[in-house]
């Protein structure tokens, strides 16, 4: 990725590699567009593959030494917090 001021440029190989991960960077030119593309991927994973998104989140948390927040579930009409 090349950055000049607020403008981003991705090489064709970076765009192709990102596409393999489900991230379309072909029209991304700003940091805001990059954030939007990543958010779109996360939202899609949340809807279509929540277990995979959870695995990714756990791996990122472990790699950065952070803890994930507790998950909130509804059981029998009462909210419960689980880890």
N, C-alpha and C. Protein backbone atom coordinates (compact mmCIF):
# COMPACT_ATOMS: atom_id res chain seq x y z
N UNK A 1 0.84 -1.16 0.00
CA UNK A 1 0.00 0.00 0.00
C UNK A 1 0.89 1.23 0.00
N UNK A 2 0.54 2.16 -0.83
CA UNK A 2 1.22 3.44 -0.87
C UNK A 2 0.27 4.50 -0.32
N UNK A 3 0.81 5.42 0.47
CA UNK A 3 -0.01 6.48 1.04
C UNK A 3 0.64 7.82 0.73
N UNK A 4 -0.17 8.71 0.18
CA UNK A 4 0.29 10.06 -0.12
C UNK A 4 -0.76 11.01 0.45
N UNK A 5 -0.43 11.62 1.59
CA UNK A 5 -1.41 12.46 2.26
C UNK A 5 -2.58 11.61 2.73
N UNK A 6 -3.77 11.90 2.21
CA UNK A 6 -4.96 11.12 2.58
C UNK A 6 -5.35 10.11 1.51
N UNK A 7 -4.55 10.00 0.46
CA UNK A 7 -4.85 9.11 -0.65
C UNK A 7 -4.09 7.79 -0.48
N UNK A 8 -4.82 6.68 -0.66
CA UNK A 8 -4.23 5.34 -0.59
C UNK A 8 -4.18 4.74 -1.99
N UNK A 9 -3.16 3.96 -2.23
CA UNK A 9 -3.05 3.21 -3.49
C UNK A 9 -2.60 1.79 -3.14
N UNK A 10 -3.28 0.83 -3.74
CA UNK A 10 -2.91 -0.56 -3.55
C UNK A 10 -2.37 -1.11 -4.86
N UNK A 11 -1.37 -1.98 -4.75
CA UNK A 11 -0.82 -2.61 -5.95
C UNK A 11 -1.79 -3.67 -6.45
N UNK A 12 -1.70 -4.03 -7.73
CA UNK A 12 -2.58 -5.09 -8.24
C UNK A 12 -2.46 -6.40 -7.45
N UNK A 13 -1.26 -6.73 -7.00
CA UNK A 13 -1.11 -7.97 -6.23
C UNK A 13 -1.77 -7.85 -4.86
N UNK A 14 -1.72 -6.67 -4.24
CA UNK A 14 -2.39 -6.46 -2.95
C UNK A 14 -3.91 -6.56 -3.12
N UNK A 15 -4.42 -6.01 -4.21
CA UNK A 15 -5.86 -6.07 -4.48
C UNK A 15 -6.28 -7.52 -4.69
N UNK A 16 -5.47 -8.28 -5.44
CA UNK A 16 -5.79 -9.69 -5.69
C UNK A 16 -5.73 -10.51 -4.41
N UNK A 17 -4.73 -10.25 -3.59
CA UNK A 17 -4.60 -10.98 -2.32
C UNK A 17 -5.77 -10.66 -1.37
N UNK A 18 -6.15 -9.40 -1.31
CA UNK A 18 -7.28 -8.99 -0.45
C UNK A 18 -8.58 -9.62 -0.95
N UNK A 19 -8.73 -9.71 -2.26
CA UNK A 19 -9.94 -10.31 -2.83
C UNK A 19 -10.07 -11.78 -2.40
N UNK A 20 -8.96 -12.48 -2.27
CA UNK A 20 -8.99 -13.87 -1.80
C UNK A 20 -9.53 -13.97 -0.38
N UNK A 21 -9.37 -12.90 0.40
CA UNK A 21 -9.86 -12.86 1.77
C UNK A 21 -11.29 -12.32 1.85
N UNK A 22 -11.85 -11.91 0.70
CA UNK A 22 -13.20 -11.38 0.68
C UNK A 22 -13.25 -9.87 0.81
N UNK A 23 -12.14 -9.22 0.62
CA UNK A 23 -12.04 -7.76 0.78
C UNK A 23 -11.80 -7.12 -0.58
N UNK A 24 -12.71 -6.27 -1.03
CA UNK A 24 -12.57 -5.62 -2.34
C UNK A 24 -11.92 -4.26 -2.17
N UNK A 25 -10.68 -4.15 -2.57
CA UNK A 25 -9.93 -2.90 -2.45
C UNK A 25 -9.78 -2.19 -3.79
N UNK A 26 -10.43 -2.68 -4.82
CA UNK A 26 -10.23 -2.13 -6.17
C UNK A 26 -10.62 -0.67 -6.29
N UNK A 27 -11.61 -0.20 -5.54
CA UNK A 27 -12.05 1.19 -5.64
C UNK A 27 -11.67 2.02 -4.42
N UNK A 28 -10.88 1.43 -3.52
CA UNK A 28 -10.51 2.12 -2.28
C UNK A 28 -9.41 3.13 -2.56
N UNK A 29 -9.68 4.39 -2.19
CA UNK A 29 -8.70 5.46 -2.41
C UNK A 29 -8.42 6.26 -1.14
N UNK A 30 -9.22 6.08 -0.08
CA UNK A 30 -9.03 6.83 1.17
C UNK A 30 -9.08 5.88 2.36
N UNK A 31 -8.60 6.35 3.50
CA UNK A 31 -8.66 5.54 4.71
C UNK A 31 -10.11 5.25 5.10
N UNK A 32 -11.00 6.20 4.90
CA UNK A 32 -12.42 6.00 5.20
C UNK A 32 -13.01 4.90 4.32
N UNK A 33 -12.66 4.87 3.05
CA UNK A 33 -13.13 3.81 2.16
C UNK A 33 -12.54 2.46 2.58
N UNK A 34 -11.29 2.47 3.04
CA UNK A 34 -10.68 1.22 3.53
C UNK A 34 -11.42 0.71 4.76
N UNK A 35 -11.71 1.62 5.71
CA UNK A 35 -12.47 1.23 6.90
C UNK A 35 -13.84 0.68 6.52
N UNK A 36 -14.48 1.32 5.56
CA UNK A 36 -15.80 0.86 5.12
C UNK A 36 -15.74 -0.53 4.49
N UNK A 37 -14.70 -0.78 3.71
CA UNK A 37 -14.54 -2.10 3.08
C UNK A 37 -14.32 -3.18 4.13
N UNK A 38 -13.49 -2.88 5.13
CA UNK A 38 -13.24 -3.85 6.21
C UNK A 38 -14.52 -4.07 7.02
N UNK A 39 -15.24 -3.00 7.32
CA UNK A 39 -16.49 -3.10 8.07
C UNK A 39 -17.52 -3.93 7.31
N UNK A 40 -17.57 -3.75 6.00
CA UNK A 40 -18.49 -4.54 5.17
C UNK A 40 -18.15 -6.02 5.26
N UNK A 41 -16.86 -6.35 5.21
CA UNK A 41 -16.44 -7.75 5.35
C UNK A 41 -16.82 -8.31 6.71
N UNK A 42 -16.58 -7.54 7.77
CA UNK A 42 -16.91 -7.99 9.12
C UNK A 42 -18.42 -8.19 9.27
N UNK A 43 -19.20 -7.26 8.74
CA UNK A 43 -20.66 -7.36 8.81
C UNK A 43 -21.15 -8.60 8.07
N UNK A 44 -20.56 -8.88 6.92
CA UNK A 44 -20.94 -10.07 6.16
C UNK A 44 -20.58 -11.33 6.94
N UNK A 45 -19.40 -11.37 7.53
CA UNK A 45 -19.01 -12.53 8.34
C UNK A 45 -19.93 -12.70 9.53
N UNK A 46 -20.30 -11.59 10.17
CA UNK A 46 -21.20 -11.66 11.32
C UNK A 46 -22.53 -12.29 10.93
N UNK A 47 -23.02 -11.94 9.76
CA UNK A 47 -24.32 -12.44 9.29
C UNK A 47 -24.22 -13.87 8.75
N UNK A 48 -23.19 -14.15 7.94
CA UNK A 48 -23.10 -15.41 7.23
C UNK A 48 -22.27 -16.49 7.94
N UNK A 49 -21.23 -16.09 8.66
CA UNK A 49 -20.33 -17.06 9.29
C UNK A 49 -19.91 -16.58 10.67
N UNK A 50 -20.85 -16.49 11.61
CA UNK A 50 -20.51 -15.95 12.93
C UNK A 50 -19.43 -16.74 13.67
N UNK A 51 -19.41 -18.05 13.49
CA UNK A 51 -18.39 -18.86 14.17
C UNK A 51 -17.00 -18.52 13.65
N UNK A 52 -16.88 -18.29 12.35
CA UNK A 52 -15.59 -17.92 11.76
C UNK A 52 -15.15 -16.54 12.26
N UNK A 53 -16.09 -15.61 12.34
CA UNK A 53 -15.77 -14.27 12.86
C UNK A 53 -15.29 -14.37 14.31
N UNK A 54 -15.90 -15.23 15.09
CA UNK A 54 -15.47 -15.41 16.48
C UNK A 54 -14.06 -15.97 16.55
N UNK A 55 -13.74 -16.93 15.68
CA UNK A 55 -12.38 -17.49 15.64
C UNK A 55 -11.36 -16.41 15.28
N UNK A 56 -11.70 -15.59 14.30
CA UNK A 56 -10.81 -14.50 13.90
C UNK A 56 -10.60 -13.54 15.05
N UNK A 57 -11.69 -13.17 15.74
CA UNK A 57 -11.59 -12.23 16.86
C UNK A 57 -10.72 -12.81 17.98
N UNK A 58 -10.89 -14.09 18.26
CA UNK A 58 -10.08 -14.73 19.31
C UNK A 58 -8.60 -14.75 18.92
N UNK A 59 -8.31 -15.04 17.66
CA UNK A 59 -6.92 -15.07 17.20
C UNK A 59 -6.30 -13.68 17.25
N UNK A 60 -7.05 -12.65 16.86
CA UNK A 60 -6.54 -11.28 16.93
C UNK A 60 -6.32 -10.86 18.38
N UNK A 61 -7.24 -11.22 19.26
CA UNK A 61 -7.08 -10.88 20.68
C UNK A 61 -5.84 -11.55 21.26
N UNK A 62 -5.65 -12.82 20.92
CA UNK A 62 -4.49 -13.55 21.43
C UNK A 62 -3.19 -12.95 20.89
N UNK A 63 -3.20 -12.58 19.62
CA UNK A 63 -1.99 -12.02 19.00
C UNK A 63 -1.63 -10.65 19.56
N UNK A 64 -2.62 -9.90 20.02
CA UNK A 64 -2.37 -8.56 20.53
C UNK A 64 -2.37 -8.49 22.05
N UNK A 65 -2.64 -9.64 22.71
CA UNK A 65 -2.64 -9.67 24.17
C UNK A 65 -3.86 -9.01 24.79
N UNK A 66 -4.94 -8.92 24.05
CA UNK A 66 -6.16 -8.30 24.56
C UNK A 66 -7.19 -9.35 24.92
N UNK A 67 -8.15 -8.95 25.74
CA UNK A 67 -9.25 -9.84 26.10
C UNK A 67 -10.49 -9.43 25.33
N UNK A 68 -11.25 -10.42 24.90
CA UNK A 68 -12.53 -10.14 24.25
C UNK A 68 -13.58 -9.84 25.31
N UNK A 69 -14.53 -8.99 24.99
CA UNK A 69 -15.62 -8.75 25.96
C UNK A 69 -16.49 -9.99 26.08
N UNK A 70 -17.19 -10.10 27.19
CA UNK A 70 -18.09 -11.24 27.40
C UNK A 70 -19.22 -11.18 26.38
N UNK A 71 -19.68 -12.35 25.97
CA UNK A 71 -20.81 -12.42 25.05
C UNK A 71 -22.11 -12.36 25.84
N UNK A 72 -23.09 -11.69 25.30
CA UNK A 72 -24.39 -11.61 25.95
C UNK A 72 -25.36 -12.50 25.19
N UNK A 73 -26.02 -13.39 25.91
CA UNK A 73 -27.00 -14.28 25.31
C UNK A 73 -28.30 -14.18 26.09
N UNK A 74 -29.40 -14.55 25.45
CA UNK A 74 -30.70 -14.54 26.12
C UNK A 74 -31.12 -15.99 26.31
N UNK A 75 -31.35 -16.36 27.57
CA UNK A 75 -31.77 -17.72 27.91
C UNK A 75 -33.01 -17.61 28.80
N UNK A 76 -34.10 -18.16 28.35
CA UNK A 76 -35.31 -18.16 29.17
C UNK A 76 -35.81 -16.77 29.50
N UNK A 77 -35.62 -15.84 28.57
CA UNK A 77 -36.11 -14.49 28.78
C UNK A 77 -35.23 -13.63 29.66
N UNK A 78 -34.12 -14.17 30.16
CA UNK A 78 -33.20 -13.41 31.00
C UNK A 78 -31.85 -13.34 30.31
N UNK A 79 -31.23 -12.18 30.40
CA UNK A 79 -29.90 -12.02 29.80
C UNK A 79 -28.87 -12.68 30.70
N UNK A 80 -27.95 -13.37 30.05
CA UNK A 80 -26.83 -13.97 30.76
C UNK A 80 -25.55 -13.57 30.06
N UNK A 81 -24.53 -13.41 30.82
CA UNK A 81 -23.22 -13.08 30.27
C UNK A 81 -22.37 -14.34 30.33
N UNK A 82 -21.74 -14.64 29.20
CA UNK A 82 -20.84 -15.80 29.16
C UNK A 82 -19.51 -15.36 28.61
N UNK A 83 -18.48 -16.17 28.85
CA UNK A 83 -17.14 -15.85 28.33
C UNK A 83 -16.68 -16.89 27.37
